[in-house]
N, C-alpha and C. Protein backbone atom coordinates (compact mmCIF):
# COMPACT_ATOMS: atom_id res chain seq x y z
N MET A 1 0.89 -1.18 -0.07
CA MET A 1 -0.10 -0.08 0.08
C MET A 1 0.93 1.18 0.53
N ASN A 2 0.25 2.35 -0.08
CA ASN A 2 1.08 3.84 -0.49
C ASN A 2 0.72 4.61 0.67
N TYR A 3 1.23 5.77 0.96
CA TYR A 3 0.80 6.73 2.24
C TYR A 3 -0.58 6.53 2.65
N LEU A 4 -1.12 6.68 1.73
CA LEU A 4 -2.95 6.91 2.46
C LEU A 4 -3.36 6.07 2.85
N ALA A 5 -3.14 4.72 2.18
CA ALA A 5 -3.64 3.56 2.76
C ALA A 5 -3.11 3.20 3.88
N HIS A 6 -1.68 3.15 4.33
CA HIS A 6 -0.90 3.12 5.49
C HIS A 6 -1.25 4.17 6.76
N SER A 7 -1.74 5.48 5.92
CA SER A 7 -1.85 6.12 7.19
C SER A 7 -3.66 6.10 7.81
N PHE A 8 -4.44 5.38 6.80
CA PHE A 8 -5.70 5.23 7.29
C PHE A 8 -5.56 3.88 7.79
N LEU A 9 -4.93 3.04 8.02
CA LEU A 9 -4.60 2.02 8.58
C LEU A 9 -4.36 2.02 9.85
N THR A 10 -4.27 3.41 10.48
CA THR A 10 -3.88 3.38 12.27
C THR A 10 -4.92 3.55 13.22
N PHE A 11 -4.58 3.44 14.51
CA PHE A 11 -5.11 3.63 15.69
C PHE A 11 -4.59 4.27 16.54
N SER A 12 -3.79 5.18 16.33
CA SER A 12 -2.96 6.30 17.33
C SER A 12 -2.46 7.28 16.32
N ASP A 13 -2.44 8.29 16.83
CA ASP A 13 -1.50 9.57 16.01
C ASP A 13 0.11 8.96 16.17
N GLU A 14 0.51 8.21 16.81
CA GLU A 14 1.74 7.84 16.85
C GLU A 14 1.99 6.59 16.05
N GLN A 15 1.04 5.81 15.67
CA GLN A 15 1.16 4.99 14.58
C GLN A 15 1.29 5.23 13.27
N ILE A 16 0.39 6.14 13.03
CA ILE A 16 0.63 7.23 11.73
C ILE A 16 2.22 7.29 11.62
N VAL A 17 2.92 7.93 12.68
CA VAL A 17 4.25 8.35 12.24
C VAL A 17 5.16 7.24 12.06
N GLY A 18 5.11 6.23 12.89
CA GLY A 18 5.65 4.99 12.56
C GLY A 18 5.00 4.46 11.05
N GLN A 19 4.04 4.61 10.48
CA GLN A 19 3.65 4.08 9.29
C GLN A 19 4.41 5.00 8.56
N PHE A 20 4.63 5.82 8.81
CA PHE A 20 5.41 6.70 7.72
C PHE A 20 7.20 6.59 7.81
N LEU A 21 7.22 6.57 9.10
CA LEU A 21 9.11 6.00 9.35
C LEU A 21 9.60 4.49 8.85
N GLU A 22 8.74 3.72 8.56
CA GLU A 22 8.95 2.67 7.98
C GLU A 22 9.78 2.56 6.70
N ASP A 23 9.37 3.37 5.73
CA ASP A 23 10.03 3.39 4.91
C ASP A 23 11.34 4.04 4.87
N PHE A 24 11.66 4.81 5.76
CA PHE A 24 12.64 5.71 6.22
C PHE A 24 14.04 5.74 6.98
N ILE A 25 13.72 4.48 7.52
CA ILE A 25 14.78 4.45 8.70
C ILE A 25 15.39 2.90 8.43
N PRO A 26 16.46 2.50 8.95
CA PRO A 26 16.79 1.22 8.56
C PRO A 26 16.37 0.52 10.36
N ASN A 27 16.12 -0.96 10.12
CA ASN A 27 15.27 -1.98 10.60
C ASN A 27 16.14 -1.63 12.08
N ARG A 28 17.34 -1.50 11.94
CA ARG A 28 17.78 -2.03 13.41
C ARG A 28 17.54 -0.47 14.47
N ASP A 29 17.41 1.06 13.79
CA ASP A 29 16.81 1.62 14.57
C ASP A 29 15.34 1.68 14.84
N ARG A 30 14.65 1.18 14.49
CA ARG A 30 13.10 0.99 15.13
C ARG A 30 13.17 1.03 16.21
N PHE A 31 13.68 0.27 17.11
CA PHE A 31 13.38 -0.05 18.66
C PHE A 31 14.13 1.36 19.13
N SER A 32 14.54 2.60 18.22
CA SER A 32 14.78 3.66 19.33
C SER A 32 13.44 4.73 19.50
N TYR A 33 12.44 4.22 19.17
CA TYR A 33 11.19 5.06 18.73
C TYR A 33 10.52 4.56 20.01
N PRO A 34 9.60 5.56 20.29
CA PRO A 34 8.17 5.38 21.44
C PRO A 34 7.81 3.97 20.86
N GLU A 35 6.69 3.10 21.60
CA GLU A 35 6.70 2.23 21.84
C GLU A 35 5.23 2.09 20.80
N LYS A 36 4.42 3.11 20.53
CA LYS A 36 3.31 3.58 19.76
C LYS A 36 3.78 3.62 18.39
N MET A 37 5.16 4.35 17.87
CA MET A 37 5.27 4.51 16.89
C MET A 37 6.05 3.04 16.44
N GLN A 38 6.63 2.35 17.16
CA GLN A 38 7.30 0.98 17.04
C GLN A 38 5.92 0.18 16.57
N GLN A 39 4.86 0.43 16.87
CA GLN A 39 3.56 -0.22 16.60
C GLN A 39 3.29 -0.24 15.18
N GLY A 40 3.42 1.32 14.89
CA GLY A 40 3.35 1.78 13.58
C GLY A 40 4.07 0.97 12.38
N ILE A 41 5.49 1.31 12.70
CA ILE A 41 6.35 0.25 12.22
C ILE A 41 6.14 -1.02 11.70
N THR A 42 5.24 -1.90 12.95
CA THR A 42 5.21 -3.36 12.65
C THR A 42 3.98 -3.25 12.23
N LEU A 43 3.22 -2.49 12.33
CA LEU A 43 1.60 -2.58 11.11
C LEU A 43 1.97 -2.39 9.94
N HIS A 44 2.58 -1.21 9.49
CA HIS A 44 3.32 -0.97 8.35
C HIS A 44 3.87 -2.29 7.42
N ARG A 45 4.87 -3.11 8.16
CA ARG A 45 5.08 -4.28 7.61
C ARG A 45 4.27 -5.56 7.72
N GLU A 46 3.68 -5.30 8.43
CA GLU A 46 1.99 -6.52 8.06
C GLU A 46 1.11 -6.25 7.06
N ILE A 47 0.95 -4.95 6.89
CA ILE A 47 0.32 -4.45 5.70
C ILE A 47 1.04 -4.54 4.59
N ASP A 48 2.06 -5.00 4.46
CA ASP A 48 2.86 -4.93 3.29
C ASP A 48 2.79 -6.20 2.95
N THR A 49 3.25 -7.18 3.96
CA THR A 49 3.02 -8.47 4.07
C THR A 49 1.69 -9.18 3.47
N PHE A 50 0.93 -8.46 3.94
CA PHE A 50 -0.33 -9.15 3.67
C PHE A 50 -0.64 -8.89 2.08
N THR A 51 -0.24 -7.33 1.93
CA THR A 51 -1.28 -7.33 0.77
C THR A 51 -0.27 -7.73 -0.14
N ASP A 52 1.16 -7.91 -0.53
CA ASP A 52 2.09 -9.04 -1.34
C ASP A 52 1.45 -10.08 -1.35
N SER A 53 0.92 -11.04 -0.26
CA SER A 53 0.39 -12.10 -0.43
C SER A 53 -1.19 -12.35 -1.06
N HIS A 54 -1.91 -11.16 -1.07
CA HIS A 54 -3.09 -11.34 -1.25
C HIS A 54 -3.83 -11.93 -2.79
N PRO A 55 -4.13 -12.50 -2.78
CA PRO A 55 -4.43 -13.25 -4.16
C PRO A 55 -5.46 -11.93 -5.19
N GLU A 56 -6.11 -10.80 -4.72
CA GLU A 56 -6.45 -10.18 -5.56
C GLU A 56 -5.20 -9.03 -6.19
N LEU A 57 -4.13 -8.79 -5.05
CA LEU A 57 -3.52 -7.90 -5.47
C LEU A 57 -2.33 -8.76 -6.62
N ARG A 58 -2.31 -10.04 -6.42
CA ARG A 58 -1.38 -10.70 -7.13
C ARG A 58 -2.00 -10.40 -8.54
N GLU A 59 -3.26 -10.88 -8.61
CA GLU A 59 -4.08 -10.57 -10.47
C GLU A 59 -3.67 -9.01 -10.35
N ALA A 60 -4.04 -8.15 -9.70
CA ALA A 60 -4.01 -6.52 -10.33
C ALA A 60 -2.33 -6.22 -10.72
N LYS A 61 -1.41 -6.72 -10.05
CA LYS A 61 -0.19 -6.90 -10.88
C LYS A 61 0.17 -7.21 -12.11
N LYS A 62 -0.31 -8.14 -12.40
CA LYS A 62 -0.45 -8.91 -13.85
C LYS A 62 -0.70 -7.96 -14.67
N LEU A 63 -1.48 -6.91 -14.87
CA LEU A 63 -2.03 -5.53 -15.44
C LEU A 63 -0.50 -4.79 -15.63
N PHE A 64 0.44 -4.75 -14.96
CA PHE A 64 1.60 -3.57 -14.91
C PHE A 64 2.40 -4.01 -15.36
N SER A 65 2.48 -6.04 -14.79
CA SER A 65 4.00 -6.40 -14.93
C SER A 65 4.24 -6.58 -16.69
N PRO A 66 3.88 -6.58 -17.75
CA PRO A 66 4.34 -6.61 -18.75
C PRO A 66 5.43 -5.49 -19.51
N LEU A 67 5.15 -4.82 -18.30
CA LEU A 67 5.60 -3.17 -18.88
C LEU A 67 6.64 -2.81 -17.91
N VAL A 68 6.36 -3.12 -16.33
CA VAL A 68 7.42 -2.69 -15.44
C VAL A 68 7.87 -4.03 -14.97
N ARG A 69 7.55 -5.32 -15.08
CA ARG A 69 8.08 -6.34 -14.56
C ARG A 69 7.74 -6.22 -13.25
N LEU A 70 9.08 -6.25 -11.89
CA LEU A 70 9.06 -6.25 -10.93
C LEU A 70 8.85 -5.11 -9.83
N TYR A 71 8.26 -4.00 -10.83
CA TYR A 71 7.85 -3.07 -9.93
C TYR A 71 6.47 -2.80 -10.19
N SER A 72 5.71 -3.84 -10.51
CA SER A 72 4.16 -3.86 -10.65
C SER A 72 3.57 -3.68 -9.39
N GLY A 73 4.05 -3.99 -8.10
CA GLY A 73 3.17 -3.95 -6.76
C GLY A 73 3.49 -2.43 -6.25
N ALA A 74 4.63 -1.58 -7.10
CA ALA A 74 4.57 -0.43 -6.37
C ALA A 74 3.66 0.41 -7.25
N PHE A 75 3.45 0.37 -8.43
CA PHE A 75 2.34 0.86 -9.23
C PHE A 75 0.59 0.25 -8.62
N VAL A 76 0.74 -0.79 -8.33
CA VAL A 76 -0.73 -1.21 -7.74
C VAL A 76 -0.86 -0.81 -6.28
N ASP A 77 0.29 -0.45 -5.76
CA ASP A 77 -0.30 0.34 -4.48
C ASP A 77 -0.63 1.79 -4.72
N VAL A 78 0.02 2.23 -5.85
CA VAL A 78 -0.55 3.82 -5.95
C VAL A 78 -1.99 3.74 -6.68
N ALA A 79 -2.29 2.92 -7.36
CA ALA A 79 -3.58 2.45 -7.71
C ALA A 79 -4.60 2.08 -6.45
N MET A 80 -4.26 1.16 -5.61
CA MET A 80 -5.30 1.38 -4.34
C MET A 80 -5.48 2.51 -3.56
N ASP A 81 -4.36 3.50 -3.36
CA ASP A 81 -4.65 4.55 -2.70
C ASP A 81 -5.59 5.67 -3.59
N TYR A 82 -5.61 5.59 -4.90
CA TYR A 82 -6.57 5.97 -5.71
C TYR A 82 -8.03 5.75 -5.48
N PHE A 83 -8.14 4.23 -5.43
CA PHE A 83 -9.77 3.74 -5.19
C PHE A 83 -10.31 3.87 -3.53
N LEU A 84 -9.12 4.03 -2.66
CA LEU A 84 -9.20 4.49 -0.88
C LEU A 84 -9.91 5.67 -1.03
N ALA A 85 -9.12 6.59 -1.62
CA ALA A 85 -9.56 8.38 -1.37
C ALA A 85 -11.01 8.32 -2.59
N ASN A 86 -11.37 7.86 -3.58
CA ASN A 86 -12.55 7.92 -3.99
C ASN A 86 -13.83 6.82 -3.21
N SER A 87 -12.97 6.02 -2.38
CA SER A 87 -14.15 5.68 -1.32
C SER A 87 -14.76 6.07 -0.31
N LEU A 88 -13.79 7.47 -0.15
CA LEU A 88 -14.23 8.10 1.18
C LEU A 88 -14.99 9.49 0.53
N SER A 89 -15.63 10.28 1.45
CA SER A 89 -16.11 11.58 0.93
C SER A 89 -15.23 12.46 0.87
N GLU A 90 -15.55 13.60 0.32
CA GLU A 90 -14.52 14.50 0.03
C GLU A 90 -14.19 15.16 1.08
N ALA A 91 -15.04 15.58 2.21
CA ALA A 91 -14.97 15.88 3.44
C ALA A 91 -14.19 15.16 4.36
N ALA A 92 -14.52 13.74 4.38
CA ALA A 92 -13.85 12.44 5.13
C ALA A 92 -12.45 12.61 4.90
N LEU A 93 -12.08 12.52 3.42
CA LEU A 93 -10.79 12.55 2.55
C LEU A 93 -9.69 13.62 2.98
N ALA A 94 -10.62 14.93 3.10
CA ALA A 94 -9.67 16.16 3.39
C ALA A 94 -9.23 16.12 5.12
N ALA A 95 -10.43 15.84 6.16
CA ALA A 95 -10.35 15.91 7.13
C ALA A 95 -9.21 14.87 7.69
N HIS A 96 -9.06 13.88 6.91
CA HIS A 96 -7.80 12.50 7.47
C HIS A 96 -6.70 13.20 6.74
N THR A 97 -6.52 13.82 5.47
CA THR A 97 -5.18 14.18 5.07
C THR A 97 -4.65 15.19 6.08
N GLN A 98 -5.55 16.47 6.36
CA GLN A 98 -5.05 17.31 7.43
C GLN A 98 -4.23 16.64 8.66
N LYS A 99 -5.38 15.79 9.14
CA LYS A 99 -4.70 14.99 10.22
C LYS A 99 -3.43 14.55 10.25
N VAL A 100 -3.24 13.96 8.93
CA VAL A 100 -1.67 12.90 8.83
C VAL A 100 -0.91 14.32 8.97
N TYR A 101 -1.01 15.28 7.98
CA TYR A 101 -0.20 16.46 7.75
C TYR A 101 0.18 17.13 9.48
N HIS A 102 -1.05 17.10 10.02
CA HIS A 102 -0.73 17.62 11.32
C HIS A 102 0.04 16.50 12.38
N VAL A 103 -0.39 15.70 12.36
CA VAL A 103 0.24 14.53 13.13
C VAL A 103 1.71 14.68 12.71
N LEU A 104 2.12 14.39 11.69
CA LEU A 104 3.45 14.11 11.01
C LEU A 104 4.55 15.56 11.39
N ARG A 105 3.66 16.94 11.78
CA ARG A 105 4.12 18.04 12.28
C ARG A 105 4.52 18.01 13.56
N LYS A 106 3.42 17.30 14.30
CA LYS A 106 3.40 17.19 15.67
C LYS A 106 4.45 16.68 15.97
N PHE A 107 4.84 15.39 15.34
CA PHE A 107 5.79 14.45 15.75
C PHE A 107 7.48 14.89 14.99
N GLU A 108 7.50 16.34 14.55
CA GLU A 108 8.81 16.23 13.21
C GLU A 108 9.84 16.05 13.88
N GLU A 109 10.18 15.83 15.32
CA GLU A 109 11.22 15.97 15.67
C GLU A 109 11.89 14.37 15.34
N TYR A 110 10.73 13.38 15.32
CA TYR A 110 11.36 11.55 15.15
C TYR A 110 11.56 11.64 13.87
N LEU A 111 11.31 12.55 12.73
CA LEU A 111 11.16 12.10 11.44
C LEU A 111 12.85 12.71 11.27
N PRO A 112 13.56 11.53 10.49
CA PRO A 112 14.70 11.54 9.23
C PRO A 112 14.37 12.67 8.45
N GLU A 113 15.56 13.34 8.27
CA GLU A 113 15.73 14.31 7.56
C GLU A 113 14.66 14.36 6.02
N ARG A 114 15.10 13.24 5.26
CA ARG A 114 14.38 12.88 3.86
C ARG A 114 13.23 12.78 4.58
N LEU A 115 12.62 12.19 5.16
CA LEU A 115 10.94 12.26 5.90
C LEU A 115 10.29 13.50 5.42
N GLY A 116 11.44 14.40 6.36
CA GLY A 116 10.78 15.90 6.47
C GLY A 116 10.77 16.91 5.41
N ARG A 117 11.89 16.23 4.38
CA ARG A 117 11.96 17.36 3.32
C ARG A 117 10.69 16.32 2.32
N MET A 118 10.39 15.10 2.44
CA MET A 118 9.14 14.42 1.65
C MET A 118 8.36 15.52 2.30
N LEU A 119 7.79 15.69 3.68
CA LEU A 119 6.33 15.78 4.08
C LEU A 119 6.22 17.45 3.57
N GLU A 120 7.53 18.14 3.39
CA GLU A 120 7.32 19.50 2.61
C GLU A 120 6.41 19.76 1.41
N GLY A 121 6.89 18.51 0.67
CA GLY A 121 6.19 18.41 -0.63
C GLY A 121 4.86 18.24 -0.75
N MET A 122 4.91 17.15 0.35
CA MET A 122 3.68 16.35 0.56
C MET A 122 2.47 17.04 0.70
N GLU A 123 2.43 17.96 1.79
CA GLU A 123 2.05 18.91 2.51
C GLU A 123 1.52 20.19 1.38
N ARG A 124 2.45 20.33 0.78
CA ARG A 124 2.10 21.79 -0.03
C ARG A 124 1.14 21.51 -1.36
N ASP A 125 1.51 20.21 -1.61
CA ASP A 125 0.64 19.75 -2.83
C ASP A 125 -0.19 18.71 -2.61
N ASN A 126 -0.31 18.80 -1.07
CA ASN A 126 -1.60 17.64 -0.64
C ASN A 126 -1.78 16.37 -1.39
N TRP A 127 -0.63 15.63 -1.49
CA TRP A 127 -0.73 14.49 -1.94
C TRP A 127 -1.57 13.83 -1.80
N LEU A 128 -2.23 13.29 0.05
CA LEU A 128 -3.20 12.30 0.09
C LEU A 128 -4.49 12.43 -0.40
N TYR A 129 -4.45 14.29 -0.60
CA TYR A 129 -5.89 14.41 -0.79
C TYR A 129 -6.13 14.14 -2.36
N ASN A 130 -5.25 14.35 -3.28
CA ASN A 130 -4.90 14.38 -4.30
C ASN A 130 -4.82 12.98 -5.22
N TYR A 131 -4.66 12.16 -4.23
CA TYR A 131 -4.46 10.69 -4.95
C TYR A 131 -6.24 10.39 -5.57
N ARG A 132 -7.43 11.28 -4.96
CA ARG A 132 -8.43 10.78 -5.74
C ARG A 132 -8.48 11.33 -7.02
N GLU A 133 -7.88 11.88 -7.80
CA GLU A 133 -7.60 12.70 -9.07
C GLU A 133 -6.74 12.16 -10.08
N ASP A 134 -7.39 11.81 -11.25
CA ASP A 134 -6.38 10.97 -11.88
C ASP A 134 -5.11 11.89 -12.24
N TRP A 135 -4.80 13.03 -12.08
CA TRP A 135 -3.88 13.71 -12.19
C TRP A 135 -2.76 13.51 -11.07
N GLY A 136 -3.70 13.37 -10.02
CA GLY A 136 -2.64 13.06 -8.78
C GLY A 136 -2.13 11.98 -9.07
N ILE A 137 -2.84 10.81 -9.35
CA ILE A 137 -2.12 9.28 -9.84
C ILE A 137 -1.18 9.54 -10.68
N LYS A 138 -1.34 10.20 -11.87
CA LYS A 138 -0.26 10.27 -12.77
C LYS A 138 0.97 10.95 -12.21
N TYR A 139 0.76 11.81 -11.26
CA TYR A 139 2.23 12.58 -10.49
C TYR A 139 2.84 11.50 -9.74
N SER A 140 1.88 10.65 -9.17
CA SER A 140 2.45 9.87 -8.50
C SER A 140 3.17 8.63 -8.92
N VAL A 141 2.87 7.98 -10.30
CA VAL A 141 3.14 6.78 -11.27
C VAL A 141 4.40 7.48 -11.35
N GLN A 142 4.87 8.54 -11.92
CA GLN A 142 5.56 9.58 -12.74
C GLN A 142 6.98 9.61 -11.61
N ASN A 143 6.52 9.87 -10.22
CA ASN A 143 7.55 9.67 -9.02
C ASN A 143 8.04 8.55 -8.86
N VAL A 144 7.37 7.53 -8.90
CA VAL A 144 7.74 6.08 -8.69
C VAL A 144 8.79 5.85 -9.86
N LEU A 145 8.35 5.91 -11.34
CA LEU A 145 9.10 5.54 -12.42
C LEU A 145 10.53 6.72 -12.30
N ASN A 146 10.28 7.69 -11.71
CA ASN A 146 11.62 8.60 -11.57
C ASN A 146 12.65 8.45 -10.52
N LYS A 147 12.15 7.43 -9.53
CA LYS A 147 12.70 6.29 -8.45
C LYS A 147 13.20 5.51 -8.74
N ALA A 148 12.54 4.51 -9.72
CA ALA A 148 12.90 3.61 -10.10
C ALA A 148 14.33 3.49 -10.65
N LYS A 149 15.05 2.44 -10.38
CA LYS A 149 16.77 2.39 -11.24
C LYS A 149 16.62 1.75 -12.74
N TYR A 150 15.43 0.86 -12.66
CA TYR A 150 15.72 0.18 -13.72
C TYR A 150 14.80 0.56 -14.70
N LEU A 151 14.03 1.07 -14.79
CA LEU A 151 13.08 1.58 -15.81
C LEU A 151 12.88 3.20 -16.46
N GLU A 152 12.75 3.03 -17.62
CA GLU A 152 12.26 4.12 -18.25
C GLU A 152 11.63 5.03 -17.73
N LYS A 153 11.71 6.45 -17.92
CA LYS A 153 11.26 7.44 -17.00
C LYS A 153 9.80 7.69 -17.95
N ASP A 154 9.67 7.28 -19.17
CA ASP A 154 8.73 7.70 -19.89
C ASP A 154 7.84 6.71 -20.61
N LEU A 155 7.53 5.26 -19.95
CA LEU A 155 7.23 4.34 -19.97
C LEU A 155 5.42 4.69 -19.78
N PRO A 156 4.37 4.47 -20.47
CA PRO A 156 2.94 4.60 -20.49
C PRO A 156 2.33 3.95 -19.45
N VAL A 157 2.68 4.13 -17.68
CA VAL A 157 2.29 2.95 -16.87
C VAL A 157 0.65 3.80 -16.42
N PHE A 158 0.59 4.84 -16.48
CA PHE A 158 -0.34 5.86 -16.19
C PHE A 158 -1.36 5.29 -17.02
N ASP A 159 -1.27 4.87 -18.31
CA ASP A 159 -2.00 4.50 -19.59
C ASP A 159 -2.61 3.15 -19.27
N VAL A 160 -1.99 2.43 -18.90
CA VAL A 160 -2.26 0.93 -18.36
C VAL A 160 -3.33 1.22 -16.99
N PHE A 161 -3.12 2.47 -15.95
CA PHE A 161 -3.81 2.52 -15.14
C PHE A 161 -5.17 2.94 -15.40
N LEU A 162 -5.32 3.79 -16.45
CA LEU A 162 -6.96 4.43 -17.12
C LEU A 162 -7.51 3.43 -17.80
N GLN A 163 -5.83 2.39 -18.62
CA GLN A 163 -6.94 1.43 -19.52
C GLN A 163 -7.73 0.22 -18.70
N ASN A 164 -7.51 0.08 -17.48
CA ASN A 164 -7.46 -1.01 -16.32
C ASN A 164 -8.17 -0.48 -15.07
N LYS A 165 -8.92 0.64 -15.24
CA LYS A 165 -9.50 1.19 -13.96
C LYS A 165 -10.38 0.62 -13.46
N PRO A 166 -11.55 0.00 -14.36
CA PRO A 166 -12.39 -1.17 -13.54
C PRO A 166 -12.28 -2.39 -13.14
N GLN A 167 -11.13 -2.78 -13.77
CA GLN A 167 -10.81 -4.17 -13.19
C GLN A 167 -10.09 -3.79 -11.98
N LEU A 168 -9.31 -2.91 -11.65
CA LEU A 168 -8.29 -2.51 -10.65
C LEU A 168 -9.35 -1.98 -9.78
N GLN A 169 -10.15 -1.43 -10.08
CA GLN A 169 -11.35 -1.26 -9.05
C GLN A 169 -12.19 -2.51 -8.01
N ARG A 170 -12.21 -3.60 -8.98
CA ARG A 170 -12.77 -4.75 -8.60
C ARG A 170 -12.07 -5.33 -7.72
N HIS A 171 -10.62 -5.39 -7.94
CA HIS A 171 -9.43 -6.11 -7.28
C HIS A 171 -9.76 -5.02 -5.96
N PHE A 172 -9.55 -3.88 -5.99
CA PHE A 172 -9.64 -3.14 -4.36
C PHE A 172 -10.73 -2.97 -4.04
N ASN A 173 -12.07 -3.54 -4.31
CA ASN A 173 -13.10 -3.56 -3.65
C ASN A 173 -13.57 -5.03 -3.08
N LYS A 174 -12.58 -6.25 -3.58
CA LYS A 174 -12.37 -7.04 -2.94
C LYS A 174 -11.22 -7.06 -2.17
N PHE A 175 -10.24 -6.77 -2.19
CA PHE A 175 -9.52 -6.90 -1.28
C PHE A 175 -9.09 -5.66 -0.05
N PHE A 176 -9.43 -4.50 -0.33
CA PHE A 176 -9.41 -3.63 1.02
C PHE A 176 -10.07 -4.20 2.22
N PRO A 177 -11.44 -4.72 2.08
CA PRO A 177 -12.04 -5.01 3.42
C PRO A 177 -11.39 -6.23 4.13
N ASP A 178 -10.54 -7.13 3.47
CA ASP A 178 -9.68 -8.01 3.71
C ASP A 178 -8.38 -7.32 4.77
N LEU A 179 -8.12 -6.38 4.12
CA LEU A 179 -6.70 -5.25 4.60
C LEU A 179 -7.15 -4.52 5.76
N GLN A 180 -8.15 -4.27 5.68
CA GLN A 180 -8.68 -3.81 7.19
C GLN A 180 -8.95 -4.40 8.15
N ALA A 181 -9.38 -5.42 8.16
CA ALA A 181 -9.65 -6.71 9.03
C ALA A 181 -8.21 -6.91 9.57
N HIS A 182 -7.47 -7.33 8.84
CA HIS A 182 -6.20 -7.71 9.14
C HIS A 182 -5.27 -6.64 9.92
N ALA A 183 -5.42 -5.42 9.74
CA ALA A 183 -4.74 -4.20 9.98
C ALA A 183 -5.80 -4.15 11.85
N VAL A 184 -6.89 -4.30 11.85
CA VAL A 184 -7.57 -4.81 13.33
C VAL A 184 -6.87 -5.99 13.87
N ASP A 185 -6.99 -6.94 13.22
CA ASP A 185 -6.09 -8.01 14.11
C ASP A 185 -4.78 -7.81 14.41
N VAL A 186 -3.96 -7.46 13.40
CA VAL A 186 -2.64 -6.84 14.13
C VAL A 186 -2.73 -5.80 15.23
N ASN A 187 -3.59 -4.77 15.28
CA ASN A 187 -3.02 -3.82 16.12
C ASN A 187 -3.83 -4.47 17.67
N ALA A 188 -5.07 -5.90 17.49
CA ALA A 188 -5.28 -5.89 18.52
C ALA A 188 -4.32 -7.13 19.38
N ARG A 189 -3.32 -7.39 18.60
CA ARG A 189 -1.94 -7.95 19.38
C ARG A 189 -0.93 -6.90 20.34
N PHE A 190 -1.40 -5.62 19.85
CA PHE A 190 -0.25 -4.63 20.56
C PHE A 190 -0.55 -4.61 21.85
């Protein structure tokens, strides 16, 4: 899952921070954070493991894999954030995104420098909210392409997303309730 889903599937402010930290810190550093942030890091990992093994997302990856091979999961994650954003009302999505930005600012002292820099752009361009727009997903897809070491930067990945929106929506509809239930189960173990 991408940033919106990870932040959506949390049970405390500190878990939101931990969900973001996971992509920016070495594993050995995770125990240096407060317990609830460590829970967010663990929850992030559990979400990723569950997502990678879910049959609906394995099928969704097949839509992207002829073009981007092993990177297909990253593009499916971006697509799932689009459908999550559009499953929420505009008001609910706006409230959630503002909460995430506020929480990350509130705990800014814990953010590695690279995450702090990303937060600047994320907040300025309102990434989380704009996942609901085609142009927002196009921007995110291009961002993944720009960061990918072994992919050409002009691959028509966004076209694949547009051409397969109905099928990707069906995969999301079958997958996301399972993911929500899994997140609740993981949180209950903390």
